[in-house]
Amino acid sequence: GRAVSSADGRRSAVGQTDWHDLEERRFARTIAETLEGLARDKSIPGFIIAAPPRTLAELRQSFNADVKERIIAEL
C-alpha cells in the first residue's frame, strides 16, 4: 500500500501485514506455554513434536529449557 503524509503530501510505501505469519507465531507461543505447564507434571515422560518445518522452527524458539529437555522426537 501507499501512505500520504497530510503535512507535506509525500507518499511512502507501507509493508503489507502477513496475518497468517502473525497467527502462526501466536499459535507457537500458545503451544509452548501449554507444554511449559505440562513439563511440570513429572508423570509425563516426554513430548513428541509434530509440525511443518516453519512452525517447528517457531516452536523451537518459543520452548523454554524445561520443555526442550523433555522432547523425545520432532517430526
N, C-alpha and C. Protein backbone atom coordinates (compact mmCIF):
# COMPACT_ATOMS: atom_id res chain seq x y z
N GLY A 1 0.81 -1.18 0.00
CA GLY A 1 0.00 0.00 0.00
C GLY A 1 0.85 1.24 0.00
N ARG A 2 0.18 2.35 -0.04
CA ARG A 2 0.84 3.65 -0.02
C ARG A 2 0.22 4.50 1.08
N ALA A 3 1.02 5.37 1.66
CA ALA A 3 0.55 6.31 2.66
C ALA A 3 0.92 7.72 2.21
N VAL A 4 0.05 8.66 2.49
CA VAL A 4 0.31 10.05 2.13
C VAL A 4 0.37 10.87 3.41
N SER A 5 1.45 11.60 3.58
CA SER A 5 1.62 12.46 4.74
C SER A 5 0.71 13.68 4.58
N SER A 6 -0.10 13.96 5.59
CA SER A 6 -1.01 15.10 5.50
C SER A 6 -0.26 16.42 5.63
N ALA A 7 0.92 16.41 6.24
CA ALA A 7 1.67 17.65 6.44
C ALA A 7 2.27 18.18 5.15
N ASP A 8 2.89 17.29 4.35
CA ASP A 8 3.56 17.79 3.17
C ASP A 8 3.18 17.05 1.88
N GLY A 9 2.27 16.11 1.96
CA GLY A 9 1.79 15.42 0.77
C GLY A 9 2.72 14.35 0.23
N ARG A 10 3.80 14.04 0.95
CA ARG A 10 4.72 12.99 0.49
C ARG A 10 4.06 11.62 0.56
N ARG A 11 4.46 10.78 -0.37
CA ARG A 11 3.95 9.40 -0.39
C ARG A 11 5.08 8.45 0.02
N SER A 12 4.68 7.38 0.68
CA SER A 12 5.66 6.36 1.05
C SER A 12 5.00 4.99 0.99
N ALA A 13 5.83 3.99 0.80
CA ALA A 13 5.32 2.62 0.74
C ALA A 13 5.07 2.10 2.15
N VAL A 14 4.04 1.28 2.28
CA VAL A 14 3.70 0.66 3.55
C VAL A 14 3.71 -0.84 3.33
N GLY A 15 4.46 -1.55 4.18
CA GLY A 15 4.53 -3.01 4.05
C GLY A 15 3.20 -3.65 4.38
N GLN A 16 2.93 -4.73 3.72
CA GLN A 16 1.69 -5.47 3.92
C GLN A 16 1.82 -6.35 5.17
N THR A 17 0.77 -6.41 5.98
CA THR A 17 0.76 -7.26 7.17
C THR A 17 0.48 -8.69 6.75
N ASP A 18 1.33 -9.60 7.20
CA ASP A 18 1.14 -11.02 6.91
C ASP A 18 0.38 -11.63 8.08
N TRP A 19 -0.93 -11.64 8.00
CA TRP A 19 -1.77 -12.12 9.09
C TRP A 19 -1.55 -13.60 9.37
N HIS A 20 -1.28 -14.37 8.34
CA HIS A 20 -1.02 -15.81 8.53
C HIS A 20 0.25 -16.01 9.35
N ASP A 21 1.29 -15.25 9.05
CA ASP A 21 2.55 -15.34 9.79
C ASP A 21 2.35 -14.93 11.25
N LEU A 22 1.63 -13.87 11.49
CA LEU A 22 1.36 -13.42 12.86
C LEU A 22 0.59 -14.48 13.64
N GLU A 23 -0.39 -15.10 13.01
CA GLU A 23 -1.18 -16.14 13.68
C GLU A 23 -0.33 -17.37 13.95
N GLU A 24 0.56 -17.72 13.03
CA GLU A 24 1.43 -18.87 13.21
C GLU A 24 2.36 -18.65 14.42
N ARG A 25 2.88 -17.46 14.56
CA ARG A 25 3.73 -17.13 15.71
C ARG A 25 2.95 -17.17 17.02
N ARG A 26 1.72 -16.65 16.99
CA ARG A 26 0.88 -16.68 18.19
C ARG A 26 0.56 -18.11 18.57
N PHE A 27 0.26 -18.95 17.59
CA PHE A 27 -0.03 -20.35 17.82
C PHE A 27 1.17 -21.04 18.47
N ALA A 28 2.36 -20.80 17.95
CA ALA A 28 3.58 -21.42 18.51
C ALA A 28 3.78 -21.01 19.96
N ARG A 29 3.55 -19.73 20.27
CA ARG A 29 3.70 -19.28 21.66
C ARG A 29 2.66 -19.94 22.57
N THR A 30 1.44 -20.10 22.08
CA THR A 30 0.39 -20.75 22.86
C THR A 30 0.74 -22.20 23.14
N ILE A 31 1.22 -22.92 22.13
CA ILE A 31 1.62 -24.32 22.31
C ILE A 31 2.79 -24.40 23.29
N ALA A 32 3.76 -23.52 23.16
CA ALA A 32 4.92 -23.52 24.05
C ALA A 32 4.49 -23.29 25.50
N GLU A 33 3.58 -22.35 25.73
CA GLU A 33 3.09 -22.08 27.08
C GLU A 33 2.36 -23.29 27.65
N THR A 34 1.58 -23.96 26.82
CA THR A 34 0.85 -25.16 27.25
C THR A 34 1.83 -26.27 27.63
N LEU A 35 2.85 -26.47 26.81
CA LEU A 35 3.84 -27.50 27.10
C LEU A 35 4.66 -27.17 28.34
N GLU A 36 4.88 -25.88 28.62
CA GLU A 36 5.59 -25.49 29.84
C GLU A 36 4.81 -25.95 31.06
N GLY A 37 3.49 -25.80 31.02
CA GLY A 37 2.65 -26.27 32.12
C GLY A 37 2.70 -27.79 32.25
N LEU A 38 2.67 -28.49 31.13
CA LEU A 38 2.73 -29.95 31.15
C LEU A 38 4.10 -30.46 31.57
N ALA A 39 5.15 -29.70 31.31
CA ALA A 39 6.51 -30.12 31.68
C ALA A 39 6.67 -30.21 33.19
N ARG A 40 5.84 -29.50 33.94
CA ARG A 40 5.89 -29.57 35.40
C ARG A 40 5.35 -30.89 35.93
N ASP A 41 4.55 -31.58 35.12
CA ASP A 41 3.97 -32.86 35.50
C ASP A 41 5.00 -33.95 35.21
N LYS A 42 5.66 -34.43 36.25
CA LYS A 42 6.74 -35.39 36.07
C LYS A 42 6.25 -36.78 35.66
N SER A 43 4.92 -37.00 35.70
CA SER A 43 4.40 -38.30 35.25
C SER A 43 4.35 -38.41 33.73
N ILE A 44 4.51 -37.28 33.05
CA ILE A 44 4.57 -37.28 31.58
C ILE A 44 6.04 -37.50 31.20
N PRO A 45 6.34 -38.61 30.52
CA PRO A 45 7.75 -38.93 30.24
C PRO A 45 8.44 -38.00 29.25
N GLY A 46 7.70 -37.39 28.37
CA GLY A 46 8.31 -36.50 27.40
C GLY A 46 7.32 -36.12 26.32
N PHE A 47 7.81 -35.39 25.34
CA PHE A 47 6.96 -34.88 24.27
C PHE A 47 7.50 -35.30 22.91
N ILE A 48 6.60 -35.59 22.00
CA ILE A 48 6.93 -35.77 20.59
C ILE A 48 6.24 -34.62 19.86
N ILE A 49 7.02 -33.83 19.16
CA ILE A 49 6.50 -32.64 18.49
C ILE A 49 6.38 -32.94 17.00
N ALA A 50 5.19 -32.76 16.45
CA ALA A 50 4.96 -32.95 15.01
C ALA A 50 4.38 -31.65 14.45
N ALA A 51 5.09 -31.06 13.50
CA ALA A 51 4.66 -29.79 12.91
C ALA A 51 5.37 -29.58 11.58
N PRO A 52 4.80 -28.75 10.70
CA PRO A 52 5.51 -28.38 9.47
C PRO A 52 6.81 -27.67 9.83
N PRO A 53 7.80 -27.70 8.95
CA PRO A 53 9.12 -27.13 9.25
C PRO A 53 9.10 -25.70 9.78
N ARG A 54 8.35 -24.84 9.17
CA ARG A 54 8.33 -23.43 9.59
C ARG A 54 7.73 -23.29 10.99
N THR A 55 6.66 -24.04 11.26
CA THR A 55 6.04 -24.00 12.58
C THR A 55 6.97 -24.61 13.61
N LEU A 56 7.64 -25.69 13.24
CA LEU A 56 8.59 -26.33 14.14
C LEU A 56 9.70 -25.35 14.53
N ALA A 57 10.17 -24.56 13.59
CA ALA A 57 11.19 -23.55 13.90
C ALA A 57 10.66 -22.53 14.89
N GLU A 58 9.42 -22.08 14.71
CA GLU A 58 8.80 -21.13 15.65
C GLU A 58 8.66 -21.77 17.03
N LEU A 59 8.26 -23.04 17.05
CA LEU A 59 8.11 -23.73 18.33
C LEU A 59 9.45 -23.83 19.05
N ARG A 60 10.49 -24.20 18.35
CA ARG A 60 11.82 -24.33 18.97
C ARG A 60 12.25 -23.03 19.63
N GLN A 61 11.96 -21.91 18.99
CA GLN A 61 12.33 -20.61 19.55
C GLN A 61 11.50 -20.28 20.78
N SER A 62 10.28 -20.80 20.84
CA SER A 62 9.37 -20.47 21.93
C SER A 62 9.51 -21.37 23.16
N PHE A 63 10.08 -22.57 22.98
CA PHE A 63 10.20 -23.51 24.09
C PHE A 63 11.22 -23.03 25.12
N ASN A 64 10.88 -23.23 26.41
CA ASN A 64 11.86 -22.94 27.45
C ASN A 64 12.72 -24.18 27.67
N ALA A 65 13.71 -24.08 28.55
CA ALA A 65 14.67 -25.17 28.77
C ALA A 65 14.00 -26.43 29.28
N ASP A 66 12.98 -26.29 30.16
CA ASP A 66 12.29 -27.46 30.70
C ASP A 66 11.62 -28.28 29.59
N VAL A 67 11.01 -27.60 28.67
CA VAL A 67 10.34 -28.28 27.56
C VAL A 67 11.38 -28.91 26.64
N LYS A 68 12.42 -28.16 26.31
CA LYS A 68 13.44 -28.66 25.38
C LYS A 68 14.09 -29.95 25.88
N GLU A 69 14.33 -30.05 27.17
CA GLU A 69 14.98 -31.26 27.70
C GLU A 69 14.03 -32.45 27.75
N ARG A 70 12.72 -32.21 27.64
CA ARG A 70 11.73 -33.31 27.68
C ARG A 70 11.30 -33.76 26.30
N ILE A 71 11.80 -33.13 25.23
CA ILE A 71 11.42 -33.52 23.87
C ILE A 71 12.13 -34.83 23.50
N ILE A 72 11.32 -35.81 23.12
CA ILE A 72 11.82 -37.11 22.74
C ILE A 72 12.13 -37.15 21.24
N ALA A 73 11.24 -36.56 20.45
CA ALA A 73 11.41 -36.58 18.99
C ALA A 73 10.69 -35.39 18.38
N GLU A 74 11.15 -34.99 17.20
CA GLU A 74 10.50 -33.95 16.40
C GLU A 74 10.27 -34.50 15.01
N LEU A 75 9.07 -34.33 14.52
CA LEU A 75 8.72 -34.77 13.16
C LEU A 75 8.29 -33.58 12.34
